Structure formats: structure tokens, C-alpha cells
């Protein structure tokens, strides 16, 4: 019975190992170029998976993009030139972290503006809730004699 548990645990742990998307035939022989390629691959989005980098994706398009990155680096391109080439070819969407430009300012500035706006709204709401109601707000603060008597009776009944 113990070996069965060990086998199940081993299978469960084996299933959680990360998939290695970069194939052995893609790896460059120069370790420095390969490190640059891996760094760039982590910054580029897989157009099929969309929320995965091409370094992590097993999709055929991600493989093609990884090969393009490595070919650019082997040709002597800088990291910026490789990124610019892919952005020109696939658009800004290929970047996992979009650049700050007039097209993407909402992505970068929208969340902080909404957070600050929400905090101000909560602050204003909390301050309004803490204020006493004005006397001329339509609710009469004066009680009739019958209401005063009824209130006194209720307070006397409740007692300490």
C-alpha cells in the first residue's frame, strides 16, 4: 500500500514539472547569445497562447518567433533591433509589457487613475456618512405631544 502512495505522489509531482518549450535544435552554441535570446523570448507574447511568453509556449508560431529572435541575434542585431523587427511585423501586441505611447497610455495610466478615483469616492462617502443630517432636510426634528408621550412610554418600558 505504501508503494502505491509513493507511485501516486511521484506521478503527481511529475505532472507538475514545467514544460520546456525551447527545443534542443533551437539552442544556440554561443552561451551569451542564447542567454540574450532567452531574455528576449520572455518579453515576447505568443500570438496563439496570448498570455504566455514565446519562451514558455509550445505553439508552432512561438517556435517560429524564437527562431526569428535567434536568427536576428546571430546576424548581429541588437536586442532593440530584434524587438523592433518583431513589433513592425506583428504589432505592439507581441510585447508582453507594451511600451508607453499615445496608443497605450490608458493601459499604463488607467489603473492608477481608477484606484485614486475610487479612494477619493470612498473618502467622500465616508465623510458624508459621518455628518449629521441638516435640520431643514425635510425630516422634521420636532415631535408632537402624542409622539413624545409614546417615546417616553417606550423608554420607560425598556428601562435598565
Protein backbone atom coordinates (compact mmCIF):
# COMPACT_ATOMS: atom_id res chain seq x y z
CA UNK A 1 0.00 0.00 0.00
CA UNK A 2 2.87 2.35 0.80
CA UNK A 3 4.43 1.83 -2.63
CA UNK A 4 1.08 2.74 -4.23
CA UNK A 5 1.03 6.08 -2.39
CA UNK A 6 4.65 6.72 -3.37
CA UNK A 7 3.86 5.94 -7.01
CA UNK A 8 0.84 8.29 -6.99
CA UNK A 9 2.88 11.04 -5.36
CA UNK A 10 5.64 10.59 -7.92
CA UNK A 11 3.18 10.77 -10.80
CA UNK A 12 1.58 13.90 -9.32
CA UNK A 13 4.96 15.59 -8.95
CA UNK A 14 5.99 14.55 -12.45
CA UNK A 15 2.85 16.15 -13.83
CA UNK A 16 3.72 19.50 -12.24
CA UNK A 17 7.13 19.82 -13.89
CA UNK A 18 7.31 22.81 -16.26
CA UNK A 19 7.26 22.04 -19.94
CA UNK A 20 10.43 23.02 -21.70
CA UNK A 21 9.26 24.81 -24.83
CA UNK A 22 12.69 25.57 -26.31
CA UNK A 23 13.70 22.60 -28.41
CA UNK A 24 17.31 21.37 -28.44
CA UNK A 25 17.69 22.21 -32.15
CA UNK A 26 16.84 25.87 -31.38
CA UNK A 27 19.54 26.38 -28.76
CA UNK A 28 22.47 28.49 -29.94
CA UNK A 29 26.02 27.22 -29.44
CA UNK A 30 27.17 30.60 -28.08
CA UNK A 31 26.07 30.76 -24.44
CA UNK A 32 25.92 34.59 -24.37
CA UNK A 33 23.72 34.75 -27.46
CA UNK A 34 21.50 32.01 -26.06
CA UNK A 35 21.10 33.93 -22.79
CA UNK A 36 20.13 37.06 -24.75
CA UNK A 37 17.69 35.03 -26.85
CA UNK A 38 16.06 33.56 -23.73
CA UNK A 39 15.76 37.03 -22.16
CA UNK A 40 14.13 38.41 -25.31
CA UNK A 41 11.86 35.36 -25.60
CA UNK A 42 10.49 36.02 -22.11
CA UNK A 43 9.46 39.54 -23.18
CA UNK A 44 7.54 38.45 -26.28
CA UNK A 45 3.96 37.20 -26.29
CA UNK A 46 2.89 34.04 -28.04
CA UNK A 47 0.26 35.15 -30.54
CA UNK A 48 -1.58 31.83 -30.13
CA UNK A 49 -1.47 31.47 -26.33
CA UNK A 50 -1.65 35.26 -25.77
CA UNK A 51 -0.77 35.31 -22.07
CA UNK A 52 2.32 33.18 -22.35
CA UNK A 53 5.77 34.18 -23.48
CA UNK A 54 7.24 32.52 -26.54
CA UNK A 55 9.86 31.07 -24.22
CA UNK A 56 7.14 29.11 -22.38
CA UNK A 57 4.85 28.25 -25.29
CA UNK A 58 4.85 25.03 -27.30
CA UNK A 59 2.82 26.55 -30.17
CA UNK A 60 4.36 26.33 -33.66
CA UNK A 61 4.16 30.12 -34.05
CA UNK A 62 6.07 30.60 -30.80
CA UNK A 63 8.77 28.29 -32.15
CA UNK A 64 8.94 30.37 -35.34
CA UNK A 65 9.28 33.55 -33.28
CA UNK A 66 12.04 32.00 -31.16
CA UNK A 67 13.88 31.07 -34.35
CA UNK A 68 13.45 34.63 -35.70
CA UNK A 69 14.89 36.03 -32.47
CA UNK A 70 17.89 33.71 -32.66
CA UNK A 71 18.48 34.45 -36.36
CA UNK A 72 18.44 38.18 -35.64
CA UNK A 73 20.93 37.78 -32.82
CA UNK A 74 23.21 35.59 -34.97
CA UNK A 75 23.08 38.27 -37.69
CA UNK A 76 24.47 40.77 -35.18
CA UNK A 77 21.28 42.70 -34.40
CA UNK A 78 20.94 44.37 -31.02
CA UNK A 79 18.13 43.38 -28.66
CA UNK A 80 16.26 46.56 -29.57
CA UNK A 81 16.56 45.84 -33.29
CA UNK A 82 15.19 42.33 -32.84
CA UNK A 83 12.25 43.65 -30.78
CA UNK A 84 11.60 46.46 -33.27
CA UNK A 85 11.59 43.96 -36.15
CA UNK A 86 9.01 41.76 -34.42
CA UNK A 87 6.88 44.77 -33.42
CA UNK A 88 6.96 46.03 -37.02
CA UNK A 89 5.90 42.60 -38.23
CA UNK A 90 3.29 41.65 -35.58
CA UNK A 91 2.40 44.94 -33.90
CA UNK A 92 2.67 46.08 -30.27
CA UNK A 93 0.58 43.10 -29.18
CA UNK A 94 3.66 40.86 -29.48
CA UNK A 95 5.16 42.59 -26.41
CA UNK A 96 4.16 41.20 -23.02
CA UNK A 97 4.83 44.64 -21.50
CA UNK A 98 3.60 47.24 -24.00
CA UNK A 99 5.63 50.40 -24.48
CA UNK A 100 4.33 53.72 -23.16
CA UNK A 101 3.00 55.60 -26.19
CA UNK A 102 -0.08 57.58 -27.10
CA UNK A 103 -1.80 54.32 -28.05
CA UNK A 104 -1.09 52.60 -24.73
CA UNK A 105 -1.37 55.41 -22.16
CA UNK A 106 -4.73 54.06 -20.99
CA UNK A 107 -3.11 50.69 -20.20
CA UNK A 108 -0.43 52.33 -18.08
CA UNK A 109 -2.30 55.26 -16.51
CA UNK A 110 -5.84 53.87 -16.31
CA UNK A 111 -5.40 51.59 -13.28
CA UNK A 112 -3.70 54.21 -11.04
CA UNK A 113 -6.31 56.82 -12.03
CA UNK A 114 -9.16 54.40 -11.24
CA UNK A 115 -7.53 53.45 -7.93
CA UNK A 116 -7.12 57.08 -6.87
CA UNK A 117 -10.65 57.93 -8.06
CA UNK A 118 -12.11 55.02 -6.10
CA UNK A 119 -10.20 56.03 -2.96
CA UNK A 120 -11.47 59.62 -3.28
CA UNK A 121 -15.04 58.39 -3.78
CA UNK A 122 -14.78 56.22 -0.64
CA UNK A 123 -13.31 59.13 1.32
CA UNK A 124 -16.13 61.46 0.24
CA UNK A 125 -18.74 58.80 1.04
CA UNK A 126 -17.23 58.19 4.49
CA UNK A 127 -17.20 61.90 5.29
CA UNK A 128 -20.81 62.32 4.19
CA UNK A 129 -21.90 59.37 6.30
CA UNK A 130 -20.25 60.85 9.41
CA UNK A 131 -22.03 64.21 9.13
CA UNK A 132 -25.30 64.81 11.00
CA UNK A 133 -28.35 65.46 8.83
CA UNK A 134 -29.21 69.14 8.48
CA UNK A 135 -32.40 70.23 10.29
CA UNK A 136 -34.01 71.62 7.12
CA UNK A 137 -33.52 68.46 5.08
CA UNK A 138 -37.23 67.69 5.00
CA UNK A 139 -37.27 65.42 8.07
CA UNK A 140 -38.97 67.14 10.97
CA UNK A 141 -36.97 67.06 14.19
CA UNK A 142 -39.96 68.30 16.27
CA UNK A 143 -42.26 65.69 17.77
CA UNK A 144 -45.92 66.10 18.55
CA UNK A 145 -47.14 65.71 22.12
CA UNK A 146 -48.55 62.25 21.30
CA UNK A 147 -45.22 61.14 19.85
CA UNK A 148 -43.32 62.45 22.87
CA UNK A 149 -45.62 60.57 25.22
CA UNK A 150 -45.27 57.37 23.21
CA UNK A 151 -41.46 57.76 23.18
CA UNK A 152 -41.40 58.29 26.95
CA UNK A 153 -43.51 55.16 27.45
CA UNK A 154 -41.18 53.10 25.27
CA UNK A 155 -38.11 54.37 27.09
CA UNK A 156 -39.68 53.68 30.49
CA UNK A 157 -40.64 50.12 29.47
CA UNK A 158 -37.19 49.31 28.24
CA UNK A 159 -35.52 50.51 31.43
CA UNK A 160 -32.13 49.37 32.72
